[in-house]
Amino acid sequence: MLQNFDIVVVGNVGIDTNVYLEKAEIDFRVEANFTTNADYLGQAGGYGARGFASLGYRTAFIGYIGNDYHGEFIRRTFAKDGINTDGLFIDPAGTSRSINFIYPDGKRKNFYDGKSHMVLKPDLALCHQILKKTKLVHFNIPNWARYLLPMAKELNIPISVDLQDIVDPNDPYRQDFIQYADVIFFSNVNFDHPKIVMNTIENRYQGKIIISGMGQQGCAFQKDNQIHYYNPIDFGGPVVDTNGAGDGLAVGFLSQYFLEKQTLESALKAAQIVARFTCSQKATTDNLIKKEILTDILSKL
């Protein structure tokens, strides 16, 4: 029996393999490099769905897993978290995978295998049954997810989209997602300044909330042609792994702004706290921030 949800996450979930380098660069002159390697449930949808659930929100997930060991592990983990899995479909090519090379300073290089995501087509009737029960929907950008965008718009659900590490704001692949989104997140990792992406989107599609993760520089926010910058929030502890930081930014902002009805300023503070907390977790989504911890840190700022 489907329930009412606070949030539905649509997108990528899979198994990440993090390769932690001991040195600043890989030594390609030799065959062997010594690293620490760890597997865990990750990817944007994994971080997002588990992040909302960890904060106590009624969460559902729509996405694909394989009919394999990893897929069953994801299904069991989501069920343990209380995440609704009615929208978990089977990709015949198997569960998607990522290999992340993590440098000593916490930065990464990602190699993503999305399996069949370019040709998959989800069960739209079932997706409609799930989406019509939610207050908010957050999209990652696998190709098949674009089929759900018009449905979410027709249901008048606030739509959030994470463009992730965008390289070109005119990228045709991302235009459907940008057009339908009410809130847009992106990583500024490929740009010197977020205004290139922000201004391009604002000039084409007015009135959207646009938020950029800027790593050690904090984050930027734009609405109605005004860009505001927010310094990073540091509440102690080292940055050990930047995987999931952008997903944490989305979880923190969306939960506070849409579900808790907080101000933009408060929601952006929460976004940075959740992102920063995520960076303190090494190769796991099992220990994402809880509501009481977020509330405590917010009260001290």
Protein backbone atom coordinates (compact mmCIF):
# COMPACT_ATOMS: atom_id res chain seq x y z
CA MET A 1 0.00 0.00 0.00
CA LEU A 2 1.49 3.34 -1.06
CA GLN A 3 1.77 5.99 1.63
CA ASN A 4 2.05 9.75 1.54
CA PHE A 5 5.63 10.94 1.12
CA ASP A 6 7.50 14.08 2.03
CA ILE A 7 10.00 13.55 -0.77
CA VAL A 8 10.51 11.29 -3.76
CA VAL A 9 14.08 10.97 -5.08
CA VAL A 10 14.31 10.05 -8.77
CA GLY A 11 17.63 8.91 -10.16
CA ASN A 12 20.85 7.03 -9.65
CA VAL A 13 21.67 4.50 -6.99
CA GLY A 14 24.45 1.96 -7.11
CA ILE A 15 27.64 0.72 -5.53
CA ASP A 16 30.60 3.07 -5.30
CA THR A 17 34.18 1.85 -5.04
CA ASN A 18 36.37 4.54 -3.51
CA VAL A 19 40.08 4.27 -4.17
CA TYR A 20 41.94 6.39 -1.60
CA LEU A 21 45.34 7.45 -2.86
CA GLU A 22 48.24 7.76 -0.45
CA LYS A 23 50.05 10.28 -2.65
CA ALA A 24 48.99 13.42 -4.48
CA GLU A 25 49.16 11.66 -7.88
CA ILE A 26 49.04 8.14 -9.32
CA ASP A 27 52.45 6.86 -10.30
CA PHE A 28 51.83 5.56 -13.83
CA ARG A 29 55.50 4.64 -14.26
CA VAL A 30 54.95 1.47 -12.23
CA GLU A 31 52.32 -1.27 -12.38
CA ALA A 32 51.27 -1.27 -8.72
CA ASN A 33 50.05 1.58 -6.53
CA PHE A 34 49.06 1.00 -2.91
CA THR A 35 45.65 2.35 -1.95
CA THR A 36 42.77 1.86 0.45
CA ASN A 37 39.69 0.60 -1.42
CA ALA A 38 36.13 0.59 -0.07
CA ASP A 39 32.73 -0.38 -1.49
CA TYR A 40 29.45 1.12 -0.29
CA LEU A 41 25.92 2.11 -1.31
CA GLY A 42 26.30 5.48 -3.00
CA GLN A 43 25.67 7.64 -6.06
CA ALA A 44 23.49 10.71 -6.07
CA GLY A 45 20.19 8.92 -5.45
CA GLY A 46 21.70 6.79 -2.71
CA TYR A 47 23.07 9.81 -0.87
CA GLY A 48 19.88 11.79 -1.48
CA ALA A 49 17.32 9.17 -0.45
CA ARG A 50 19.30 8.03 2.58
CA GLY A 51 19.98 11.65 3.51
CA PHE A 52 16.29 12.56 3.64
CA ALA A 53 15.45 9.35 5.48
CA SER A 54 18.20 9.99 8.02
CA LEU A 55 16.58 13.36 8.79
CA GLY A 56 13.31 11.57 9.45
CA TYR A 57 11.37 12.40 6.28
CA ARG A 58 8.99 9.97 4.60
CA THR A 59 11.03 9.09 1.53
CA ALA A 60 10.44 7.11 -1.65
CA PHE A 61 12.90 6.28 -4.40
CA ILE A 62 12.34 5.77 -8.13
CA GLY A 63 15.26 4.23 -9.98
CA TYR A 64 16.96 1.12 -11.29
CA ILE A 65 18.98 -1.68 -9.75
CA GLY A 66 20.22 -4.96 -11.19
CA ASN A 67 18.84 -8.41 -10.49
CA ASP A 68 22.09 -9.17 -8.73
CA TYR A 69 23.79 -9.17 -5.33
CA HIS A 70 24.33 -5.41 -5.32
CA GLY A 71 20.74 -4.71 -6.28
CA GLU A 72 19.39 -6.88 -3.49
CA PHE A 73 21.76 -5.22 -1.04
CA ILE A 74 20.40 -1.80 -2.07
CA ARG A 75 16.80 -2.98 -1.77
CA ARG A 76 17.40 -4.38 1.74
CA THR A 77 19.26 -1.26 2.85
CA PHE A 78 16.52 1.08 1.63
CA ALA A 79 13.89 -1.07 3.33
CA LYS A 80 15.86 -0.93 6.59
CA ASP A 81 15.95 2.87 6.28
CA GLY A 82 12.19 2.98 5.76
CA ILE A 83 12.59 4.20 2.15
CA ASN A 84 9.73 3.08 -0.08
CA THR A 85 11.02 0.79 -2.84
CA ASP A 86 7.88 0.32 -4.96
CA GLY A 87 9.63 2.34 -7.68
CA LEU A 88 12.77 0.20 -7.83
CA PHE A 89 12.89 -1.23 -11.36
CA ILE A 90 15.28 -3.83 -12.79
CA ASP A 91 18.02 -2.93 -15.24
CA PRO A 92 18.94 -6.12 -17.15
CA ALA A 93 22.53 -4.85 -17.45
CA GLY A 94 22.92 -4.90 -13.67
CA THR A 95 23.37 -2.43 -10.84
CA SER A 96 25.19 0.77 -11.77
CA ARG A 97 28.71 1.31 -10.44
CA SER A 98 31.12 4.16 -9.82
CA ILE A 99 34.86 4.17 -9.26
CA ASN A 100 36.03 7.26 -7.36
CA PHE A 101 39.71 8.10 -7.01
CA ILE A 102 39.99 10.11 -3.79
CA TYR A 103 43.05 12.29 -3.31
CA PRO A 104 44.61 13.05 0.09
CA ASP A 105 42.96 16.50 0.13
CA GLY A 106 39.51 14.91 -0.31
CA LYS A 107 39.04 15.81 -3.98
CA ARG A 108 38.01 13.11 -6.43
CA LYS A 109 37.91 11.87 -10.00
CA ASN A 110 34.79 9.87 -10.84
CA PHE A 111 34.28 7.07 -13.37
CA TYR A 112 30.59 6.29 -13.68
CA ASP A 113 28.96 3.23 -15.27
CA GLY A 114 25.23 3.91 -15.51
CA LYS A 115 24.51 0.59 -17.24
CA SER A 116 21.38 0.95 -19.44
CA HIS A 117 20.21 4.38 -18.25
CA MET A 118 20.24 5.87 -21.77
CA VAL A 119 17.64 3.41 -23.11
CA LEU A 120 15.53 2.44 -20.09
CA LYS A 121 11.88 3.53 -19.88
CA PRO A 122 10.21 3.34 -16.46
CA ASP A 123 6.66 2.22 -15.73
CA LEU A 124 4.95 5.61 -16.00
CA ALA A 125 1.68 4.46 -14.45
CA LEU A 126 3.46 3.24 -11.32
CA CYS A 127 5.62 6.35 -11.20
CA HIS A 128 2.47 8.47 -11.36
CA GLN A 129 1.01 6.56 -8.40
CA ILE A 130 4.13 7.33 -6.38
CA LEU A 131 4.57 10.96 -7.43
CA LYS A 132 0.98 11.95 -6.77
CA LYS A 133 1.53 11.02 -3.10
CA THR A 134 4.49 13.36 -2.49
CA LYS A 135 5.05 16.98 -1.44
CA LEU A 136 8.34 17.36 -3.32
CA VAL A 137 10.43 15.55 -5.93
CA HIS A 138 14.21 15.68 -6.37
CA PHE A 139 15.72 14.52 -9.69
CA ASN A 140 19.15 13.26 -10.59
CA ILE A 141 19.76 13.22 -14.33
CA PRO A 142 19.82 9.67 -15.78
CA ASN A 143 18.32 9.83 -19.26
CA TRP A 144 15.19 7.82 -18.33
CA ALA A 145 14.29 10.31 -15.58
CA ARG A 146 13.32 12.97 -18.15
CA TYR A 147 10.15 10.97 -18.91
CA LEU A 148 8.89 11.80 -15.40
CA LEU A 149 9.42 15.56 -15.63
CA PRO A 150 6.14 16.42 -17.43
CA MET A 151 4.26 14.15 -15.03
CA ALA A 152 5.66 15.93 -11.98
CA LYS A 153 4.86 19.32 -13.50
CA GLU A 154 1.27 18.28 -14.26
CA LEU A 155 0.88 17.13 -10.65
CA ASN A 156 2.04 20.60 -9.55
CA ILE A 157 4.82 19.19 -7.36
CA PRO A 158 7.85 21.41 -6.66
CA ILE A 159 10.66 19.99 -8.81
CA SER A 160 14.30 20.03 -7.77
CA VAL A 161 17.09 18.94 -10.12
CA ASP A 162 20.78 18.35 -9.48
CA LEU A 163 22.75 19.02 -12.69
CA GLN A 164 25.86 17.68 -10.90
CA ASP A 165 29.28 18.49 -12.40
CA ILE A 166 27.97 20.41 -15.42
CA VAL A 167 30.58 21.34 -18.04
CA ASP A 168 28.48 23.42 -20.45
CA PRO A 169 25.32 25.32 -19.37
CA ASN A 170 24.07 24.91 -22.96
CA ASP A 171 24.46 21.12 -22.81
CA PRO A 172 21.38 19.80 -24.69
CA TYR A 173 21.22 16.69 -22.48
CA ARG A 174 20.42 18.81 -19.41
CA GLN A 175 17.96 21.28 -20.99
CA ASP A 176 14.80 19.28 -20.19
CA PHE A 177 15.85 19.05 -16.57
CA ILE A 178 16.67 22.76 -16.40
CA GLN A 179 13.41 23.77 -18.07
CA TYR A 180 11.16 21.79 -15.70
CA ALA A 181 13.04 22.52 -12.48
CA ASP A 182 11.90 25.00 -9.85
CA VAL A 183 15.17 24.55 -7.96
CA ILE A 184 18.49 23.77 -9.64
CA PHE A 185 21.66 22.54 -7.95
CA PHE A 186 25.02 22.18 -9.66
CA SER A 187 28.68 21.70 -8.79
CA ASN A 188 31.00 24.54 -9.75
CA VAL A 189 33.98 22.19 -9.97
CA ASN A 190 34.44 22.75 -13.74
CA PHE A 191 34.21 26.55 -13.60
CA ASP A 192 36.17 29.39 -12.04
CA HIS A 193 32.94 31.16 -11.10
CA PRO A 194 29.31 29.98 -10.84
CA LYS A 195 27.89 33.06 -12.56
CA ILE A 196 28.61 31.54 -16.01
CA VAL A 197 26.12 28.74 -15.40
CA MET A 198 23.74 30.82 -13.29
CA ASN A 199 23.42 33.69 -15.73
CA THR A 200 22.97 31.38 -18.71
CA ILE A 201 20.10 29.59 -16.98
CA GLU A 202 18.54 32.80 -15.65
CA ASN A 203 18.62 34.46 -19.07
CA ARG A 204 16.84 31.50 -20.64
CA TYR A 205 14.47 30.48 -17.83
CA GLN A 206 13.56 33.21 -15.37
CA GLY A 207 12.45 32.78 -11.77
CA LYS A 208 14.31 29.62 -10.79
CA ILE A 209 16.19 29.11 -7.55
CA ILE A 210 19.78 28.22 -8.50
CA ILE A 211 22.31 26.93 -5.97
CA SER A 212 25.94 26.11 -6.66
CA GLY A 213 28.21 24.05 -4.47
CA MET A 214 31.68 25.64 -4.43
CA GLY A 215 33.61 23.22 -2.23
CA GLN A 216 36.00 24.99 0.14
CA GLN A 217 34.62 28.36 -1.02
CA GLY A 218 31.12 27.63 0.30
CA CYS A 219 28.12 28.02 -1.96
CA ALA A 220 26.34 30.55 -4.18
CA PHE A 221 22.65 31.27 -4.58
CA GLN A 222 20.86 33.11 -7.38
CA LYS A 223 17.28 34.25 -7.80
CA ASP A 224 15.97 37.10 -9.96
CA ASN A 225 19.44 37.90 -11.37
CA GLN A 226 21.00 38.44 -7.94
CA ILE A 227 23.90 36.18 -6.91
CA HIS A 228 24.68 35.84 -3.20
CA TYR A 229 27.73 34.09 -1.77
CA TYR A 230 27.93 32.16 1.47
CA ASN A 231 31.18 31.29 3.20
CA PRO A 232 31.72 27.65 4.15
CA ILE A 233 30.52 26.52 7.56
CA ASP A 234 33.12 24.73 9.65
CA PHE A 235 31.98 23.04 12.85
CA GLY A 236 35.05 20.88 13.40
CA GLY A 237 36.43 17.64 12.03
CA PRO A 238 38.44 17.03 8.86
CA VAL A 239 37.15 16.75 5.30
CA VAL A 240 37.95 13.13 4.45
CA ASP A 241 35.69 12.42 1.46
CA THR A 242 33.81 14.88 -0.78
CA ASN A 243 31.55 12.22 -2.30
CA GLY A 244 27.93 13.18 -1.67
CA ALA A 245 28.65 16.77 -0.70
CA GLY A 246 26.40 18.14 -3.45
CA ASP A 247 23.66 15.69 -2.49
CA GLY A 248 23.95 16.87 1.11
CA LEU A 249 23.60 20.46 -0.07
CA ALA A 250 20.33 19.53 -1.80
CA VAL A 251 19.02 17.49 1.14
CA GLY A 252 19.71 20.29 3.62
CA PHE A 253 18.18 23.07 1.53
CA LEU A 254 15.12 21.21 0.27
CA SER A 255 14.20 19.76 3.64
CA GLN A 256 14.38 23.11 5.41
CA TYR A 257 12.93 25.37 2.72
CA PHE A 258 10.10 23.20 1.41
CA LEU A 259 9.32 20.77 4.21
CA GLU A 260 10.12 22.87 7.28
CA LYS A 261 9.12 26.21 5.65
CA GLN A 262 12.30 27.96 6.82
CA THR A 263 13.70 31.11 5.23
CA LEU A 264 16.14 30.95 2.35
CA GLU A 265 18.95 32.05 4.67
CA SER A 266 18.21 29.32 7.21
CA ALA A 267 17.81 26.70 4.48
CA LEU A 268 21.16 27.62 2.93
CA LYS A 269 22.87 27.34 6.32
CA ALA A 270 21.32 23.90 6.78
CA ALA A 271 22.42 22.94 3.26
CA GLN A 272 26.04 23.73 4.04
CA ILE A 273 25.90 21.93 7.38
CA VAL A 274 24.54 18.75 5.80
CA ALA A 275 27.12 18.95 2.99
CA ARG A 276 29.97 19.52 5.45
CA PHE A 277 28.82 16.66 7.68
CA THR A 278 28.68 14.37 4.64
CA CYS A 279 32.32 15.20 3.87
CA SER A 280 33.32 13.90 7.31
CA GLN A 281 32.06 10.40 6.41
CA LYS A 282 34.51 8.07 4.68
CA ALA A 283 33.05 5.65 2.12
CA THR A 284 29.64 5.27 3.71
CA THR A 285 26.07 6.54 3.57
CA ASP A 286 25.21 4.68 6.78
CA ASN A 287 25.92 7.64 9.10
CA LEU A 288 24.43 10.69 7.42
CA ILE A 289 23.32 13.58 9.59
CA LYS A 290 20.33 13.19 11.91
CA LYS A 291 17.73 15.89 12.55
CA GLU A 292 18.80 16.44 16.16
CA ILE A 293 22.43 17.01 15.13
CA LEU A 294 21.41 19.43 12.37
CA THR A 295 19.12 21.31 14.77
CA ASP A 296 21.88 21.52 17.39
CA ILE A 297 24.46 22.90 14.95
CA LEU A 298 21.95 25.40 13.53
CA SER A 299 21.13 26.65 17.03
CA LYS A 300 24.82 27.41 17.68
CA LEU A 301 25.40 29.45 14.52
